[in-house]
C-alpha atoms as a PDB file:
ATOM      1  CA  MET A   1       5.392   3.290  -3.176  1.00  0.00           C
ATOM      2  CA  HIS A   2       4.720   0.330  -3.255  1.00  0.00           C
ATOM      3  CA  ASN A   3       5.470  -2.267  -5.897  1.00  0.00           C
ATOM      4  CA  PRO A   4       2.703  -4.261  -6.851  1.00  0.00           C
ATOM      5  CA  LEU A   5       5.318  -7.569  -7.907  1.00  0.00           C
ATOM      6  CA  GLU A   6       6.555  -7.481  -4.143  1.00  0.00           C
ATOM      7  CA  LYS A   7       4.817 -10.232  -2.044  1.00  0.00           C
ATOM      8  CA  ASP A   8       2.930  -8.171   1.193  1.00  0.00           C
ATOM      9  CA  ASP A   9       3.345  -9.443   4.714  1.00  0.00           C
ATOM     10  CA  TRP A  10      -0.496 -11.178   3.745  1.00  0.00           C
ATOM     11  CA  GLN A  11       0.897 -12.787   1.398  1.00  0.00           C
ATOM     12  CA  GLU A  12       4.021 -14.596   2.874  1.00  0.00           C
ATOM     13  CA  LYS A  13       1.903 -15.258   5.904  1.00  0.00           C
ATOM     14  CA  LEU A  14      -0.358 -17.507   3.755  1.00  0.00           C
ATOM     15  CA  ALA A  15       2.547 -18.871   1.835  1.00  0.00           C
ATOM     16  CA  GLU A  16       3.613 -19.961   4.836  1.00  0.00           C
ATOM     17  CA  LYS A  17       0.891 -21.250   5.582  1.00  0.00           C
ATOM     18  CA  ILE A  18      -0.356 -22.740   2.361  1.00  0.00           C
ATOM     19  CA  LYS A  19       3.523 -25.005   2.848  1.00  0.00           C
ATOM     20  CA  GLU A  20       2.390 -26.382   5.977  1.00  0.00           C
ATOM     21  CA  LEU A  21      -1.590 -27.102   4.638  1.00  0.00           C
ATOM     22  CA  LYS A  22       0.331 -29.465   1.840  1.00  0.00           C
ATOM     23  CA  ALA A  23       2.898 -30.627   4.249  1.00  0.00           C
ATOM     24  CA  CYS A  24       0.255 -31.812   6.458  1.00  0.00           C
ATOM     25  CA  GLN A  25      -1.658 -33.547   3.123  1.00  0.00           C
ATOM     26  CA  GLU A  26       1.109 -34.743   2.164  1.00  0.00           C
ATOM     27  CA  GLU A  27       2.182 -36.506   5.532  1.00  0.00           C
ATOM     28  CA  LYS A  28      -1.056 -38.416   5.253  1.00  0.00           C
ATOM     29  CA  ASN A  29      -1.006 -38.840   1.438  1.00  0.00           C
ATOM     30  CA  LEU A  30      -4.319 -36.478   0.693  1.00  0.00           C
ATOM     31  CA  ASN A  31      -5.024 -34.134  -2.175  1.00  0.00           C
ATOM     32  CA  SER A  32      -7.513 -32.477  -0.310  1.00  0.00           C
ATOM     33  CA  CYS A  33      -8.563 -31.376   3.491  1.00  0.00           C
ATOM     34  CA  HIS A  34     -11.782 -32.225   2.483  1.00  0.00           C
ATOM     35  CA  PRO A  35     -11.181 -36.374   2.844  1.00  0.00           C
ATOM     36  CA  CYS A  36      -9.175 -36.080   6.536  1.00  0.00           C
ATOM     37  CA  ASP A  37     -11.270 -36.917   9.623  1.00  0.00           C
ATOM     38  CA  LYS A  38      -9.904 -34.220  11.505  1.00  0.00           C
ATOM     39  CA  PHE A  39     -11.133 -31.634   8.737  1.00  0.00           C
ATOM     40  CA  PHE A  40     -13.336 -29.385  11.393  1.00  0.00           C
ATOM     41  CA  GLU A  41     -11.441 -29.547  14.024  1.00  0.00           C
ATOM     42  CA  CYS A  42      -7.866 -28.894  12.353  1.00  0.00           C
ATOM     43  CA  GLU A  43      -5.909 -26.295  13.201  1.00  0.00           C
ATOM     44  CA  ILE A  44      -3.316 -26.252  10.279  1.00  0.00           C
ATOM     45  CA  ARG A  45      -6.737 -25.795   8.348  1.00  0.00           C
ATOM     46  CA  ARG A  46      -8.108 -23.624  10.359  1.00  0.00           C
ATOM     47  CA  LYS A  47      -4.582 -21.170  10.357  1.00  0.00           C
ATOM     48  CA  TYR A  48      -4.854 -21.192   6.734  1.00  0.00           C
ATOM     49  CA  VAL A  49      -8.123 -20.080   5.898  1.00  0.00           C
ATOM     50  CA  LYS A  50      -7.478 -17.412   8.806  1.00  0.00           C
ATOM     51  CA  ALA A  51      -4.510 -16.442   6.293  1.00  0.00           C
ATOM     52  CA  VAL A  52      -6.510 -16.627   2.936  1.00  0.00           C
ATOM     53  CA  TYR A  53      -9.027 -14.375   4.525  1.00  0.00           C
ATOM     54  CA  GLU A  54      -6.523 -11.875   5.944  1.00  0.00           C
ATOM     55  CA  SER A  55      -4.528 -11.328   3.084  1.00  0.00           C
ATOM     56  CA  MET A  56      -7.368 -10.699   0.634  1.00  0.00           C
ATOM     57  CA  ASN A  57      -8.466  -7.774   2.890  1.00  0.00           C
ATOM     58  CA  LYS A  58      -5.239  -7.033   4.463  1.00  0.00           C
ATOM     59  CA  GLY A  59      -6.198  -6.764   7.623  1.00  0.00           C
ATOM     60  CA  SER A  60      -8.845  -4.668   7.473  1.00  0.00           C
ATOM     61  CA  SER A  61     -11.716  -5.318  10.286  1.00  0.00           C
ATOM     62  CA  GLY A  62     -15.499  -5.436   8.981  1.00  0.00           C
ATOM     63  CA  GLY A  63     -17.073  -8.205   6.345  1.00  0.00           C
ATOM     64  CA  PHE A  64     -15.605 -10.322   3.269  1.00  0.00           C
ATOM     65  CA  GLU A  65     -17.968  -9.665   0.445  1.00  0.00           C
ATOM     66  CA  PHE A  66     -17.194 -12.836  -2.166  1.00  0.00           C
END
């Protein structure tokens, strides 16, 4: 039986991507990615968004409803 309080692999991957994103923002002295000139091309942000999506659907294929 899975304990809902335990982090799963998807949550752990997301936590790592959040850490990377925050480090980048701090390095650039930003509070958000939005003002960054690499907003649309940023690989760190792209991986973060993918990790968010995957953590929400736990890797299942198919669409995602907001």
